[in-house]
Amino acid sequence: MVKGLCMGAADTVPGVSGGTIALITGIYDDLLSAIKSANFKVAGSLLRLDFKDVLSELHVRFILPLFLGIAIAILSLARLMVYLLANHATLTWSLFFGLIAASIWVVGKQVEKWTLGTGALFLAGSGAAFVIVNLMPASTPEDLWFVFVSGMLAICAMILPGLSGAFILLILGKYEFIIATLKNPFLLENLVIIVVFASGCAIGLAGFARVLKILLQKYHSLTLAFLAGLMFGSMRKIWPWKETLETSMIHGKLRVLKESNIWPQTGDSDLVFAVCLIITGFVVVMVLERLSWVKEDA
């Protein structure tokens, strides 16, 4: 459960990978085995309400305390993240920027050999992400179908060392929305969103995560090069200094529809602190990455 708390804390911060924490704490292989045990046979047993069969197939003694720890950490930190984004946006995004910049290096380092093919896929991923981020509005749909899809995509990144599920939510424009929802999880409206998001995560684990695992097994370097490219091309989304160009009232809330990146002003009192946070974020990921390699070698 304590290891779940550590993973949950990591999963709330864009750029810090819950998969990396699992690797450092020595439970990554058990996590993959537990995910693999959640197959369609288990789903069928669950639909038939055959709980005895479900308990015999799933690694319940491992899964329950781990995911309970993850849930407690995420719910506990949600209020803090909402406060930081509302009151110290530039500084918070600066930390995120450093964390994610280092994560790109971590993922790229896992490419066994950089060749013309891996380089081409890195550029393809960068170009695709740059175009998608450019076309994607600052505020994406809050419809349940989009929340579901966001959960499916985010969970795939959460289980991979070096990749951050929270970063995927940032790119989809749903990080602040999900975090704000988790701040008050027992409101009926928020509870519906959480259930839909969790359902997307479950389907993502059962489907996309398995496909991603196959790709990593058969085309390890090519897949990681493409993923690193996607992350690199998306960096403009999390640039800390932005200017709001267009807003609109949506469901009674003021939403940013269009914004642009700007250079920090030399007279900005937070500039030095922001740069320090970028460096701090980068160093934190480097240290975690080093610890994961030491653990794996041991």
Protein backbone atom coordinates (compact mmCIF):
# COMPACT_ATOMS: atom_id res chain seq x y z
CA MET A 1 0.00 0.00 0.00
CA VAL A 2 2.89 2.38 0.78
CA LYS A 3 4.31 1.69 -2.68
CA GLY A 4 0.87 2.46 -4.10
CA LEU A 5 0.93 5.80 -2.27
CA CYS A 6 4.26 6.58 -3.94
CA MET A 7 2.92 5.61 -7.37
CA GLY A 8 -0.24 7.67 -6.87
CA ALA A 9 1.78 10.70 -5.84
CA ALA A 10 3.88 10.33 -9.00
CA ASP A 11 0.83 9.90 -11.23
CA THR A 12 -0.60 13.27 -10.18
CA VAL A 13 2.49 15.14 -11.43
CA PRO A 14 3.03 15.48 -15.20
CA GLY A 15 6.49 14.23 -16.10
CA VAL A 16 6.89 11.83 -13.18
CA SER A 17 6.09 8.26 -14.16
CA GLY A 18 4.23 5.91 -11.87
CA GLY A 19 5.88 3.10 -13.84
CA THR A 20 9.30 4.44 -12.85
CA ILE A 21 8.28 4.47 -9.18
CA ALA A 22 7.06 0.86 -9.55
CA LEU A 23 10.46 -0.07 -11.00
CA ILE A 24 12.37 1.71 -8.22
CA THR A 25 10.29 0.08 -5.47
CA GLY A 26 10.69 -3.38 -7.01
CA ILE A 27 7.06 -4.12 -7.93
CA TYR A 28 7.10 -3.42 -11.68
CA ASP A 29 7.14 -7.10 -12.75
CA ASP A 30 4.35 -7.88 -10.26
CA LEU A 31 2.38 -4.94 -11.64
CA LEU A 32 2.66 -6.24 -15.22
CA SER A 33 1.63 -9.74 -14.09
CA ALA A 34 -1.36 -8.31 -12.24
CA ILE A 35 -2.43 -6.33 -15.31
CA LYS A 36 -2.03 -9.44 -17.47
CA SER A 37 -4.27 -11.39 -15.06
CA ALA A 38 -7.12 -8.93 -15.72
CA ASN A 39 -8.17 -10.65 -18.95
CA PHE A 40 -11.47 -11.20 -20.77
CA LYS A 41 -12.05 -14.41 -18.79
CA VAL A 42 -12.09 -12.37 -15.60
CA ALA A 43 -14.42 -9.84 -17.23
CA GLY A 44 -16.81 -12.65 -18.17
CA SER A 45 -16.76 -14.02 -14.63
CA LEU A 46 -17.45 -10.55 -13.29
CA LEU A 47 -20.45 -10.15 -15.58
CA ARG A 48 -21.77 -13.51 -14.36
CA LEU A 49 -21.18 -12.31 -10.77
CA ASP A 50 -18.88 -15.30 -10.26
CA PHE A 51 -16.72 -13.56 -7.68
CA LYS A 52 -15.01 -16.79 -6.62
CA ASP A 53 -13.55 -17.22 -10.10
CA VAL A 54 -12.59 -13.53 -10.24
CA LEU A 55 -10.70 -13.78 -6.95
CA SER A 56 -8.90 -16.94 -8.08
CA GLU A 57 -7.74 -15.36 -11.36
CA LEU A 58 -6.77 -11.88 -10.17
CA HIS A 59 -3.75 -11.09 -8.00
CA VAL A 60 -6.12 -9.62 -5.42
CA ARG A 61 -3.69 -9.50 -2.49
CA PHE A 62 -1.35 -7.42 -4.62
CA ILE A 63 -3.86 -5.34 -6.59
CA LEU A 64 -6.18 -4.19 -3.79
CA PRO A 65 -3.63 -2.58 -1.44
CA LEU A 66 -1.63 -1.17 -4.36
CA PHE A 67 -4.58 0.51 -6.05
CA LEU A 68 -6.00 1.63 -2.71
CA GLY A 69 -2.71 3.40 -2.05
CA ILE A 70 -2.74 4.95 -5.52
CA ALA A 71 -6.32 6.19 -5.05
CA ILE A 72 -5.61 7.68 -1.60
CA ALA A 73 -2.54 9.54 -2.88
CA ILE A 74 -4.30 10.93 -5.95
CA LEU A 75 -7.35 12.10 -3.98
CA SER A 76 -5.14 13.63 -1.29
CA LEU A 77 -2.96 15.58 -3.72
CA ALA A 78 -5.78 16.73 -6.02
CA ARG A 79 -6.63 19.73 -3.81
CA LEU A 80 -2.99 20.81 -3.69
CA MET A 81 -2.64 20.66 -7.48
CA VAL A 82 -5.87 22.66 -7.98
CA TYR A 83 -4.57 25.33 -5.58
CA LEU A 84 -1.14 25.53 -7.25
CA LEU A 85 -2.57 25.80 -10.77
CA ALA A 86 -5.06 28.47 -9.68
CA ASN A 87 -2.67 30.61 -7.63
CA HIS A 88 0.84 29.87 -8.92
CA ALA A 89 0.24 28.81 -12.52
CA THR A 90 3.53 29.96 -14.08
CA LEU A 91 5.66 28.43 -11.33
CA THR A 92 3.70 25.17 -11.40
CA TRP A 93 3.99 24.89 -15.19
CA SER A 94 7.71 25.65 -14.88
CA LEU A 95 8.19 22.63 -12.63
CA PHE A 96 6.10 20.51 -15.02
CA PHE A 97 8.18 21.74 -17.97
CA GLY A 98 11.42 20.61 -16.33
CA LEU A 99 9.95 17.25 -15.33
CA ILE A 100 8.68 16.50 -18.83
CA ALA A 101 11.81 17.76 -20.61
CA ALA A 102 13.85 15.25 -18.60
CA SER A 103 11.30 12.52 -19.30
CA ILE A 104 11.90 12.92 -23.04
CA TRP A 105 15.58 12.25 -22.46
CA VAL A 106 14.75 9.23 -20.27
CA VAL A 107 12.51 7.67 -22.93
CA GLY A 108 14.98 8.48 -25.71
CA LYS A 109 17.80 6.86 -23.73
CA GLN A 110 15.89 3.56 -23.77
CA VAL A 111 16.22 3.41 -27.57
CA GLU A 112 18.90 0.75 -28.01
CA LYS A 113 20.41 2.31 -31.13
CA TRP A 114 19.50 5.49 -32.95
CA THR A 115 19.28 4.76 -36.67
CA LEU A 116 17.68 6.35 -39.70
CA GLY A 117 14.48 4.47 -38.89
CA THR A 118 14.28 5.51 -35.23
CA GLY A 119 15.24 9.07 -36.15
CA ALA A 120 12.50 9.18 -38.78
CA LEU A 121 9.90 7.93 -36.29
CA PHE A 122 11.07 10.49 -33.72
CA LEU A 123 10.57 13.26 -36.28
CA ALA A 124 7.21 11.78 -37.32
CA GLY A 125 6.05 11.68 -33.70
CA SER A 126 7.27 15.23 -33.11
CA GLY A 127 5.54 16.54 -36.21
CA ALA A 128 2.28 14.72 -35.46
CA ALA A 129 2.21 15.98 -31.87
CA PHE A 130 3.05 19.54 -32.89
CA VAL A 131 0.19 19.60 -35.41
CA ILE A 132 -2.29 17.97 -33.01
CA VAL A 133 -1.42 20.35 -30.16
CA ASN A 134 -1.65 23.30 -32.54
CA LEU A 135 -5.10 22.25 -33.77
CA MET A 136 -6.41 21.24 -30.35
CA PRO A 137 -8.24 24.07 -28.55
CA ALA A 138 -7.10 25.16 -25.09
CA SER A 139 -10.38 23.76 -23.71
CA THR A 140 -11.33 20.30 -24.99
CA PRO A 141 -14.80 18.71 -24.68
CA GLU A 142 -16.02 17.83 -21.21
CA ASP A 143 -18.39 15.24 -22.65
CA LEU A 144 -18.27 11.80 -21.03
CA TRP A 145 -17.06 10.13 -24.23
CA PHE A 146 -13.96 12.34 -24.26
CA VAL A 147 -13.36 11.69 -20.54
CA PHE A 148 -13.56 7.95 -21.31
CA VAL A 149 -11.06 8.21 -24.18
CA SER A 150 -8.74 10.31 -22.01
CA GLY A 151 -8.71 7.56 -19.39
CA MET A 152 -7.94 4.92 -22.02
CA LEU A 153 -4.95 6.84 -23.34
CA ALA A 154 -3.59 8.07 -20.01
CA ILE A 155 -3.46 4.64 -18.37
CA CYS A 156 -1.19 3.28 -21.12
CA ALA A 157 1.43 5.90 -20.26
CA MET A 158 1.01 5.46 -16.50
CA ILE A 159 2.32 1.88 -16.58
CA LEU A 160 5.42 2.62 -18.70
CA PRO A 161 8.64 3.75 -16.99
CA GLY A 162 9.53 7.23 -18.21
CA LEU A 163 6.07 8.10 -19.53
CA SER A 164 3.54 10.08 -17.50
CA GLY A 165 -0.20 9.56 -17.66
CA ALA A 166 -0.72 13.07 -16.28
CA PHE A 167 1.27 14.40 -19.24
CA ILE A 168 -1.13 12.68 -21.64
CA LEU A 169 -4.02 14.36 -19.83
CA LEU A 170 -2.23 17.70 -20.24
CA ILE A 171 -1.96 17.19 -24.00
CA LEU A 172 -5.64 16.24 -24.17
CA GLY A 173 -6.54 19.34 -22.15
CA LYS A 174 -8.05 17.26 -19.37
CA TYR A 175 -5.46 17.39 -16.58
CA GLU A 176 -6.92 20.36 -14.70
CA PHE A 177 -10.47 19.10 -15.33
CA ILE A 178 -9.79 15.64 -13.86
CA ILE A 179 -7.79 17.05 -10.94
CA ALA A 180 -10.60 19.52 -10.14
CA THR A 181 -13.11 16.65 -10.27
CA LEU A 182 -11.03 14.59 -7.83
CA LYS A 183 -10.98 17.55 -5.43
CA ASN A 184 -14.65 16.82 -4.57
CA PRO A 185 -15.11 13.16 -5.56
CA PHE A 186 -18.39 12.59 -3.72
CA LEU A 187 -20.47 15.14 -5.63
CA LEU A 188 -22.80 13.18 -7.93
CA GLU A 189 -21.67 15.03 -11.06
CA ASN A 190 -18.01 14.46 -10.22
CA LEU A 191 -18.61 10.85 -9.22
CA VAL A 192 -20.08 10.11 -12.66
CA ILE A 193 -17.01 11.64 -14.33
CA ILE A 194 -14.65 9.63 -12.10
CA VAL A 195 -16.49 6.36 -12.85
CA VAL A 196 -16.39 7.05 -16.61
CA PHE A 197 -12.69 7.97 -16.44
CA ALA A 198 -11.91 4.85 -14.38
CA SER A 199 -13.85 2.74 -16.89
CA GLY A 200 -11.72 4.18 -19.68
CA CYS A 201 -8.61 3.29 -17.68
CA ALA A 202 -9.86 -0.29 -17.23
CA ILE A 203 -10.56 -0.71 -20.95
CA GLY A 204 -7.21 0.87 -21.75
CA LEU A 205 -5.44 -1.65 -19.52
CA ALA A 206 -7.32 -4.55 -21.10
CA GLY A 207 -6.72 -3.41 -24.68
CA PHE A 208 -4.29 -0.64 -25.56
CA ALA A 209 -1.79 -1.49 -22.83
CA ARG A 210 -1.50 -5.01 -24.21
CA VAL A 211 -1.01 -3.71 -27.75
CA LEU A 212 1.61 -1.29 -26.48
CA LYS A 213 3.38 -4.11 -24.67
CA ILE A 214 3.49 -6.16 -27.90
CA LEU A 215 4.90 -3.18 -29.81
CA LEU A 216 7.57 -2.69 -27.15
CA GLN A 217 8.49 -6.37 -27.29
CA LYS A 218 8.71 -6.60 -31.10
CA TYR A 219 9.66 -3.04 -32.06
CA HIS A 220 11.15 -1.70 -28.84
CA SER A 221 13.42 1.04 -30.18
CA LEU A 222 11.05 2.18 -32.93
CA THR A 223 8.11 2.45 -30.52
CA LEU A 224 10.10 4.38 -27.91
CA ALA A 225 11.55 6.71 -30.56
CA PHE A 226 8.02 7.54 -31.72
CA LEU A 227 6.81 8.07 -28.13
CA ALA A 228 9.78 10.35 -27.39
CA GLY A 229 8.92 12.30 -30.53
CA LEU A 230 5.31 12.70 -29.42
CA MET A 231 6.49 14.09 -26.10
CA PHE A 232 8.98 16.46 -27.74
CA GLY A 233 6.42 17.79 -30.20
CA SER A 234 3.96 18.42 -27.37
CA MET A 235 6.30 20.58 -25.26
CA ARG A 236 4.79 23.82 -26.55
CA LYS A 237 1.57 22.84 -24.77
CA ILE A 238 3.22 23.13 -21.35
CA TRP A 239 5.37 26.23 -21.92
CA PRO A 240 4.94 28.14 -18.62
CA TRP A 241 4.47 31.63 -20.06
CA LYS A 242 1.24 32.11 -22.00
CA GLU A 243 -1.04 34.90 -23.15
CA THR A 244 -4.81 34.37 -23.24
CA LEU A 245 -6.28 35.44 -26.58
CA GLU A 246 -9.90 34.27 -26.36
CA THR A 247 -12.23 33.12 -23.58
CA SER A 248 -15.85 32.01 -23.35
CA MET A 249 -18.43 31.08 -20.71
CA ILE A 250 -19.07 27.33 -20.95
CA HIS A 251 -21.51 25.71 -18.50
CA GLY A 252 -21.24 28.78 -16.29
CA LYS A 253 -17.43 28.69 -16.15
CA LEU A 254 -14.94 30.95 -17.89
CA ARG A 255 -12.88 28.78 -20.26
CA VAL A 256 -9.79 29.66 -22.27
CA LEU A 257 -10.45 28.94 -25.95
CA LYS A 258 -7.23 30.25 -27.44
CA GLU A 259 -3.84 31.14 -26.03
CA SER A 260 -0.32 31.67 -27.31
CA ASN A 261 3.15 31.14 -25.88
CA ILE A 262 5.17 34.24 -25.04
CA TRP A 263 8.71 34.90 -23.83
CA PRO A 264 9.01 35.72 -20.13
CA GLN A 265 9.38 39.39 -19.31
CA THR A 266 12.78 40.43 -17.95
CA GLY A 267 11.07 42.33 -15.13
CA ASP A 268 9.05 39.29 -14.04
CA SER A 269 9.68 38.82 -10.32
CA ASP A 270 9.05 35.07 -10.61
CA LEU A 271 11.44 34.53 -13.54
CA VAL A 272 14.45 33.38 -11.51
CA PHE A 273 12.27 31.13 -9.33
CA ALA A 274 10.60 29.68 -12.42
CA VAL A 275 13.95 28.84 -14.03
CA CYS A 276 15.08 27.23 -10.77
CA LEU A 277 11.92 25.10 -10.77
CA ILE A 278 12.56 24.00 -14.37
CA ILE A 279 16.05 22.88 -13.36
CA THR A 280 14.70 21.22 -10.20
CA GLY A 281 12.12 19.27 -12.20
CA PHE A 282 14.79 18.09 -14.63
CA VAL A 283 17.09 16.97 -11.81
CA VAL A 284 14.29 15.11 -9.98
CA VAL A 285 13.53 12.96 -13.03
CA MET A 286 17.24 12.33 -13.63
CA VAL A 287 17.65 11.11 -10.05
CA LEU A 288 14.57 8.87 -10.30
CA GLU A 289 15.83 7.48 -13.60
CA ARG A 290 19.22 6.73 -12.07
CA LEU A 291 17.61 5.00 -9.10
CA SER A 292 15.48 2.86 -11.42
CA TRP A 293 18.56 1.68 -13.32
CA VAL A 294 20.39 0.87 -10.07
CA LYS A 295 17.37 -1.13 -8.89
CA GLU A 296 17.09 -2.97 -12.21
CA ASP A 297 20.81 -3.83 -12.24
CA ALA A 298 20.54 -5.16 -8.69
